[in-house]
């Protein structure tokens, strides 16, 4: 700080602090906005994950049904192929 009557040095000090406070408040507002975006994105990702999990469950069920039907078909065809010829 400057020496002298003291007004200039205190005034500069106050102005510097005002600039710092203003900068901090601006950054805080930007951070608050970014945090809001992040929270919204998290909600969307969670919803998408839940939908994907449900779709995977349905796919697994359908695959099990298909495997069961395919195994039955294989068994039928195998019976025809391996059946001894009838005289």
N, C-alpha and C. Protein backbone atom coordinates (compact mmCIF):
# COMPACT_ATOMS: atom_id res chain seq x y z
N UNK A 1 0.84 -1.18 0.00
CA UNK A 1 0.00 0.00 0.00
C UNK A 1 0.87 1.23 0.00
N UNK A 2 0.32 2.28 -0.54
CA UNK A 2 1.08 3.52 -0.62
C UNK A 2 1.10 4.23 0.72
N UNK A 3 2.15 4.93 0.91
CA UNK A 3 2.26 5.78 2.08
C UNK A 3 1.68 7.14 1.72
N UNK A 4 1.36 7.90 2.66
CA UNK A 4 0.86 9.25 2.38
C UNK A 4 -0.33 9.52 3.25
N UNK A 5 -1.34 10.20 2.66
CA UNK A 5 -2.49 10.58 3.46
C UNK A 5 -3.37 9.37 3.82
N UNK A 6 -3.15 8.27 3.15
CA UNK A 6 -3.87 7.05 3.50
C UNK A 6 -5.13 6.85 2.70
N UNK A 7 -5.70 7.91 2.16
CA UNK A 7 -6.95 7.77 1.41
C UNK A 7 -6.73 6.95 0.13
N UNK A 8 -5.65 7.27 -0.60
CA UNK A 8 -5.37 6.58 -1.85
C UNK A 8 -5.09 5.11 -1.62
N UNK A 9 -4.32 4.80 -0.64
CA UNK A 9 -3.97 3.41 -0.40
C UNK A 9 -5.20 2.62 0.06
N UNK A 10 -6.02 3.16 0.91
CA UNK A 10 -7.22 2.47 1.37
C UNK A 10 -8.23 2.36 0.24
N UNK A 11 -8.33 3.40 -0.55
CA UNK A 11 -9.26 3.38 -1.68
C UNK A 11 -8.87 2.30 -2.69
N UNK A 12 -7.58 2.22 -2.99
CA UNK A 12 -7.08 1.18 -3.90
C UNK A 12 -7.33 -0.21 -3.31
N UNK A 13 -7.11 -0.33 -2.03
CA UNK A 13 -7.32 -1.61 -1.34
C UNK A 13 -8.79 -2.02 -1.42
N UNK A 14 -9.68 -1.11 -1.17
CA UNK A 14 -11.12 -1.37 -1.24
C UNK A 14 -11.54 -1.72 -2.66
N UNK A 15 -11.03 -0.98 -3.64
CA UNK A 15 -11.37 -1.25 -5.04
C UNK A 15 -10.87 -2.63 -5.46
N UNK A 16 -9.71 -2.97 -5.01
CA UNK A 16 -9.15 -4.30 -5.33
C UNK A 16 -10.04 -5.39 -4.75
N UNK A 17 -10.45 -5.22 -3.51
CA UNK A 17 -11.33 -6.20 -2.86
C UNK A 17 -12.69 -6.25 -3.57
N UNK A 18 -13.20 -5.10 -3.98
CA UNK A 18 -14.46 -5.07 -4.72
C UNK A 18 -14.35 -5.86 -6.02
N UNK A 19 -13.23 -5.70 -6.73
CA UNK A 19 -13.02 -6.45 -7.97
C UNK A 19 -12.95 -7.94 -7.69
N UNK A 20 -12.25 -8.30 -6.63
CA UNK A 20 -12.14 -9.72 -6.27
C UNK A 20 -13.50 -10.31 -5.90
N UNK A 21 -14.26 -9.59 -5.12
CA UNK A 21 -15.59 -10.06 -4.72
C UNK A 21 -16.49 -10.20 -5.94
N UNK A 22 -16.45 -9.23 -6.84
CA UNK A 22 -17.24 -9.29 -8.06
C UNK A 22 -16.84 -10.51 -8.88
N UNK A 23 -15.56 -10.75 -9.01
CA UNK A 23 -15.07 -11.90 -9.76
C UNK A 23 -15.53 -13.20 -9.11
N UNK A 24 -15.45 -13.28 -7.81
CA UNK A 24 -15.88 -14.48 -7.10
C UNK A 24 -17.37 -14.71 -7.31
N UNK A 25 -18.18 -13.67 -7.23
CA UNK A 25 -19.62 -13.81 -7.43
C UNK A 25 -19.95 -14.25 -8.85
N UNK A 26 -19.22 -13.72 -9.83
CA UNK A 26 -19.45 -14.13 -11.22
C UNK A 26 -19.10 -15.60 -11.41
N UNK A 27 -17.99 -16.02 -10.82
CA UNK A 27 -17.59 -17.43 -10.93
C UNK A 27 -18.58 -18.34 -10.19
N UNK A 28 -19.08 -17.84 -9.08
CA UNK A 28 -20.06 -18.62 -8.32
C UNK A 28 -21.33 -18.81 -9.14
N UNK A 29 -21.79 -17.77 -9.82
CA UNK A 29 -22.97 -17.89 -10.67
C UNK A 29 -22.73 -18.88 -11.80
N UNK A 30 -21.56 -18.81 -12.42
CA UNK A 30 -21.23 -19.74 -13.51
C UNK A 30 -21.17 -21.17 -12.97
N UNK A 31 -20.59 -21.34 -11.79
CA UNK A 31 -20.51 -22.66 -11.17
C UNK A 31 -21.91 -23.20 -10.88
N UNK A 32 -22.78 -22.35 -10.37
CA UNK A 32 -24.15 -22.75 -10.06
C UNK A 32 -24.86 -23.21 -11.33
N UNK A 33 -24.67 -22.48 -12.42
CA UNK A 33 -25.27 -22.85 -13.70
C UNK A 33 -24.72 -24.19 -14.17
N UNK A 34 -23.40 -24.35 -14.12
CA UNK A 34 -22.77 -25.60 -14.54
C UNK A 34 -23.24 -26.77 -13.68
N UNK A 35 -23.38 -26.54 -12.40
CA UNK A 35 -23.85 -27.59 -11.49
C UNK A 35 -25.27 -28.00 -11.84
N UNK A 36 -26.10 -27.03 -12.18
CA UNK A 36 -27.47 -27.34 -12.61
C UNK A 36 -27.47 -28.20 -13.86
N UNK A 37 -26.61 -27.86 -14.82
CA UNK A 37 -26.50 -28.67 -16.05
C UNK A 37 -26.02 -30.09 -15.72
N UNK A 38 -25.06 -30.19 -14.83
CA UNK A 38 -24.52 -31.49 -14.45
C UNK A 38 -25.59 -32.35 -13.77
N UNK A 39 -26.36 -31.75 -12.89
CA UNK A 39 -27.41 -32.50 -12.20
C UNK A 39 -28.47 -32.98 -13.19
N UNK A 40 -28.83 -32.13 -14.15
CA UNK A 40 -29.81 -32.52 -15.17
C UNK A 40 -29.26 -33.66 -16.02
N UNK A 41 -28.00 -33.57 -16.39
CA UNK A 41 -27.38 -34.63 -17.18
C UNK A 41 -27.36 -35.94 -16.39
N UNK A 42 -27.11 -35.87 -15.11
CA UNK A 42 -27.10 -37.07 -14.27
C UNK A 42 -28.48 -37.71 -14.25
N UNK A 43 -29.52 -36.90 -14.15
CA UNK A 43 -30.89 -37.43 -14.17
C UNK A 43 -31.16 -38.12 -15.50
N UNK A 44 -30.77 -37.49 -16.61
CA UNK A 44 -30.99 -38.08 -17.93
C UNK A 44 -30.22 -39.39 -18.10
N UNK A 45 -29.00 -39.43 -17.63
CA UNK A 45 -28.20 -40.66 -17.72
C UNK A 45 -28.83 -41.76 -16.88
N UNK A 46 -29.30 -41.43 -15.71
CA UNK A 46 -29.94 -42.41 -14.84
C UNK A 46 -31.20 -42.97 -15.49
N UNK A 47 -32.02 -42.09 -16.09
CA UNK A 47 -33.23 -42.53 -16.78
C UNK A 47 -32.88 -43.44 -17.96
N UNK A 48 -31.87 -43.05 -18.73
CA UNK A 48 -31.45 -43.86 -19.87
C UNK A 48 -30.94 -45.23 -19.40
N UNK A 49 -30.20 -45.25 -18.31
CA UNK A 49 -29.68 -46.51 -17.77
C UNK A 49 -30.82 -47.42 -17.34
N UNK A 50 -31.84 -46.86 -16.71
CA UNK A 50 -32.99 -47.65 -16.29
C UNK A 50 -33.71 -48.25 -17.50
N UNK A 51 -33.88 -47.46 -18.55
CA UNK A 51 -34.52 -47.95 -19.76
C UNK A 51 -33.68 -49.05 -20.41
N UNK A 52 -32.39 -48.85 -20.44
CA UNK A 52 -31.50 -49.84 -21.03
C UNK A 52 -31.52 -51.14 -20.23
N UNK A 53 -31.55 -51.04 -18.93
CA UNK A 53 -31.61 -52.22 -18.07
C UNK A 53 -32.89 -52.99 -18.33
N UNK A 54 -34.01 -52.29 -18.46
CA UNK A 54 -35.29 -52.95 -18.74
C UNK A 54 -35.27 -53.60 -20.12
N UNK A 55 -34.72 -52.92 -21.11
CA UNK A 55 -34.62 -53.49 -22.46
C UNK A 55 -33.74 -54.73 -22.44
N UNK A 56 -32.67 -54.71 -21.69
CA UNK A 56 -31.78 -55.87 -21.60
C UNK A 56 -32.51 -57.05 -20.94
N UNK A 57 -33.30 -56.76 -19.93
CA UNK A 57 -34.07 -57.81 -19.26
C UNK A 57 -35.04 -58.46 -20.26
N UNK A 58 -35.75 -57.65 -21.05
CA UNK A 58 -36.67 -58.19 -22.05
C UNK A 58 -35.93 -59.01 -23.10
N UNK A 59 -34.78 -58.51 -23.52
CA UNK A 59 -33.97 -59.24 -24.51
C UNK A 59 -33.52 -60.58 -23.95
N UNK A 60 -33.11 -60.61 -22.71
CA UNK A 60 -32.69 -61.87 -22.08
C UNK A 60 -33.85 -62.86 -22.03
N UNK A 61 -35.05 -62.37 -21.71
CA UNK A 61 -36.22 -63.25 -21.68
C UNK A 61 -36.49 -63.83 -23.07
N UNK A 62 -36.47 -62.99 -24.08
CA UNK A 62 -36.72 -63.44 -25.46
C UNK A 62 -35.64 -64.42 -25.92
N UNK A 63 -34.41 -64.17 -25.56
CA UNK A 63 -33.32 -65.07 -25.93
C UNK A 63 -33.52 -66.44 -25.28
N UNK A 64 -33.96 -66.46 -24.03
CA UNK A 64 -34.20 -67.73 -23.33
C UNK A 64 -35.34 -68.48 -24.02
N UNK A 65 -36.41 -67.77 -24.39
CA UNK A 65 -37.52 -68.40 -25.10
C UNK A 65 -37.05 -68.97 -26.45
N UNK A 66 -36.27 -68.20 -27.16
CA UNK A 66 -35.76 -68.62 -28.47
C UNK A 66 -34.86 -69.84 -28.32
N UNK A 67 -34.01 -69.85 -27.34
CA UNK A 67 -33.11 -70.99 -27.11
C UNK A 67 -33.92 -72.24 -26.79
N UNK A 68 -34.96 -72.06 -25.99
CA UNK A 68 -35.81 -73.19 -25.63
C UNK A 68 -36.49 -73.77 -26.88
N UNK A 69 -37.03 -72.91 -27.72
CA UNK A 69 -37.70 -73.35 -28.95
C UNK A 69 -36.69 -73.97 -29.92
N UNK A 70 -35.52 -73.39 -30.02
CA UNK A 70 -34.50 -73.94 -30.91
C UNK A 70 -34.05 -75.32 -30.45
N UNK A 71 -33.88 -75.49 -29.16
CA UNK A 71 -33.51 -76.80 -28.63
C UNK A 71 -34.59 -77.84 -28.92
N UNK A 72 -35.86 -77.43 -28.82
CA UNK A 72 -36.96 -78.36 -29.14
C UNK A 72 -36.92 -78.73 -30.62
N UNK A 73 -36.68 -77.76 -31.49
CA UNK A 73 -36.60 -78.02 -32.93
C UNK A 73 -35.44 -78.95 -33.26
N UNK A 74 -34.30 -78.70 -32.63
CA UNK A 74 -33.12 -79.54 -32.84
C UNK A 74 -33.44 -80.97 -32.43
N UNK A 75 -34.12 -81.12 -31.33
CA UNK A 75 -34.48 -82.46 -30.84
C UNK A 75 -35.39 -83.17 -31.84
N UNK A 76 -36.37 -82.47 -32.40
CA UNK A 76 -37.28 -83.06 -33.38
C UNK A 76 -36.52 -83.47 -34.64
N UNK A 77 -35.71 -82.56 -35.18
CA UNK A 77 -34.96 -82.86 -36.39
C UNK A 77 -33.97 -83.99 -36.14
N UNK A 78 -33.34 -83.99 -35.00
CA UNK A 78 -32.40 -85.05 -34.65
C UNK A 78 -33.11 -86.40 -34.61
N UNK A 79 -34.36 -86.40 -34.11
CA UNK A 79 -35.13 -87.64 -34.08
C UNK A 79 -35.41 -88.16 -35.48
N UNK A 80 -35.73 -87.27 -36.41
CA UNK A 80 -35.97 -87.70 -37.79
C UNK A 80 -34.69 -88.21 -38.46
N UNK A 81 -33.60 -87.54 -38.23
CA UNK A 81 -32.34 -87.91 -38.88
C UNK A 81 -31.82 -89.21 -38.32
N UNK A 82 -31.94 -89.42 -37.05
CA UNK A 82 -31.36 -90.61 -36.42
C UNK A 82 -32.33 -91.81 -36.40
N UNK A 83 -33.55 -91.59 -36.81
CA UNK A 83 -34.52 -92.69 -36.77
C UNK A 83 -34.07 -93.79 -37.72
N UNK A 84 -34.06 -94.98 -37.25
CA UNK A 84 -33.64 -96.07 -38.15
C UNK A 84 -34.68 -96.26 -39.27
N UNK A 85 -34.22 -96.61 -40.44
CA UNK A 85 -35.15 -96.81 -41.55
C UNK A 85 -36.12 -97.96 -41.23
N UNK A 86 -37.36 -97.75 -41.59
CA UNK A 86 -38.37 -98.77 -41.34
C UNK A 86 -38.54 -99.63 -42.59
N UNK A 87 -38.65 -100.90 -42.40
CA UNK A 87 -38.78 -101.81 -43.54
C UNK A 87 -40.20 -102.11 -43.89
